[in-house]
């Protein structure tokens, strides 16, 4: 992959910390910063999953009412791969 140069200005303490952490991990400062950015960018996916889980929890009763009651083990009633709707087939 082609590389692009990116120049940033940070205070001396931040620069020192970046150098020390990169050295401790056995990588260059460039690679260390690149990894940090990739990790941070990956957080978007985690944030989405957490938001979706919160949504499902908030509306759990609505889904249970629409798609059927829960059976033993906390799993919804299903027929094949589709949810069973009470009163409808």
Protein backbone atom coordinates (compact mmCIF):
# COMPACT_ATOMS: atom_id res chain seq x y z
CA UNK A 1 0.00 0.00 0.00
CA UNK A 2 1.26 3.45 -0.86
CA UNK A 3 2.22 5.63 2.07
CA UNK A 4 1.39 9.29 2.58
CA UNK A 5 3.42 11.54 4.79
CA UNK A 6 1.52 13.21 7.60
CA UNK A 7 3.17 15.83 9.77
CA UNK A 8 1.72 16.56 13.20
CA UNK A 9 2.80 18.80 16.04
CA UNK A 10 2.53 17.55 19.61
CA UNK A 11 3.97 18.74 22.89
CA UNK A 12 7.24 17.20 24.08
CA UNK A 13 5.56 14.98 26.69
CA UNK A 14 3.28 13.46 24.06
CA UNK A 15 6.21 12.92 21.69
CA UNK A 16 8.22 11.28 24.47
CA UNK A 17 5.31 9.03 25.40
CA UNK A 18 4.83 7.99 21.76
CA UNK A 19 8.53 7.16 21.39
CA UNK A 20 8.60 5.18 24.65
CA UNK A 21 5.46 3.21 23.86
CA UNK A 22 6.60 2.46 20.32
CA UNK A 23 9.98 1.29 21.61
CA UNK A 24 8.31 -0.88 24.26
CA UNK A 25 6.26 -2.54 21.52
CA UNK A 26 9.26 -2.96 19.24
CA UNK A 27 7.93 -0.76 16.47
CA UNK A 28 8.60 2.60 14.91
CA UNK A 29 6.73 5.69 16.03
CA UNK A 30 5.15 5.81 12.58
CA UNK A 31 3.84 2.26 12.93
CA UNK A 32 2.69 2.93 16.50
CA UNK A 33 0.67 6.00 15.43
CA UNK A 34 -0.72 4.11 12.44
CA UNK A 35 -1.91 1.30 14.74
CA UNK A 36 -3.52 3.78 17.14
CA UNK A 37 -5.47 5.40 14.31
CA UNK A 38 -6.60 2.01 12.97
CA UNK A 39 -7.75 0.98 16.45
CA UNK A 40 -9.63 4.23 16.88
CA UNK A 41 -11.27 3.88 13.48
CA UNK A 42 -12.34 0.36 14.45
CA UNK A 43 -14.15 1.77 17.47
CA UNK A 44 -16.89 3.00 15.14
CA UNK A 45 -17.94 -0.60 14.56
CA UNK A 46 -17.92 -1.33 18.29
CA UNK A 47 -19.96 1.80 18.97
CA UNK A 48 -22.55 0.70 16.41
CA UNK A 49 -22.85 -2.77 17.93
CA UNK A 50 -23.22 -1.31 21.43
CA UNK A 51 -25.91 1.10 20.22
CA UNK A 52 -27.76 -1.74 18.49
CA UNK A 53 -27.60 -3.85 21.67
CA UNK A 54 -28.96 -0.93 23.71
CA UNK A 55 -31.76 -0.46 21.19
CA UNK A 56 -32.69 -4.15 21.34
CA UNK A 57 -32.69 -4.09 25.12
CA UNK A 58 -34.84 -0.96 25.21
CA UNK A 59 -37.41 -2.43 22.80
CA UNK A 60 -37.16 -6.07 23.91
CA UNK A 61 -40.76 -6.16 25.12
CA UNK A 62 -42.03 -4.74 21.82
CA UNK A 63 -40.16 -7.41 19.85
CA UNK A 64 -41.39 -10.14 22.21
CA UNK A 65 -44.97 -8.96 21.78
CA UNK A 66 -44.67 -8.80 17.99
CA UNK A 67 -42.69 -11.99 17.38
CA UNK A 68 -43.89 -14.26 20.17
CA UNK A 69 -43.16 -15.19 23.74
CA UNK A 70 -39.93 -16.61 25.02
CA UNK A 71 -39.44 -20.28 25.66
CA UNK A 72 -37.18 -21.99 28.17
CA UNK A 73 -33.58 -20.76 27.86
CA UNK A 74 -34.59 -17.25 26.89
CA UNK A 75 -34.71 -17.93 23.15
CA UNK A 76 -37.70 -16.74 21.11
CA UNK A 77 -40.09 -19.28 19.65
CA UNK A 78 -39.22 -19.98 16.02
CA UNK A 79 -40.42 -22.14 13.20
CA UNK A 80 -37.63 -22.75 10.71
CA UNK A 81 -35.55 -19.59 10.46
CA UNK A 82 -38.46 -17.13 10.81
CA UNK A 83 -39.99 -15.90 14.07
CA UNK A 84 -43.41 -17.31 14.94
CA UNK A 85 -46.00 -14.57 15.26
CA UNK A 86 -48.80 -15.38 17.61
CA UNK A 87 -52.13 -15.67 15.85
CA UNK A 88 -50.49 -15.57 12.40
CA UNK A 89 -48.74 -18.09 10.19
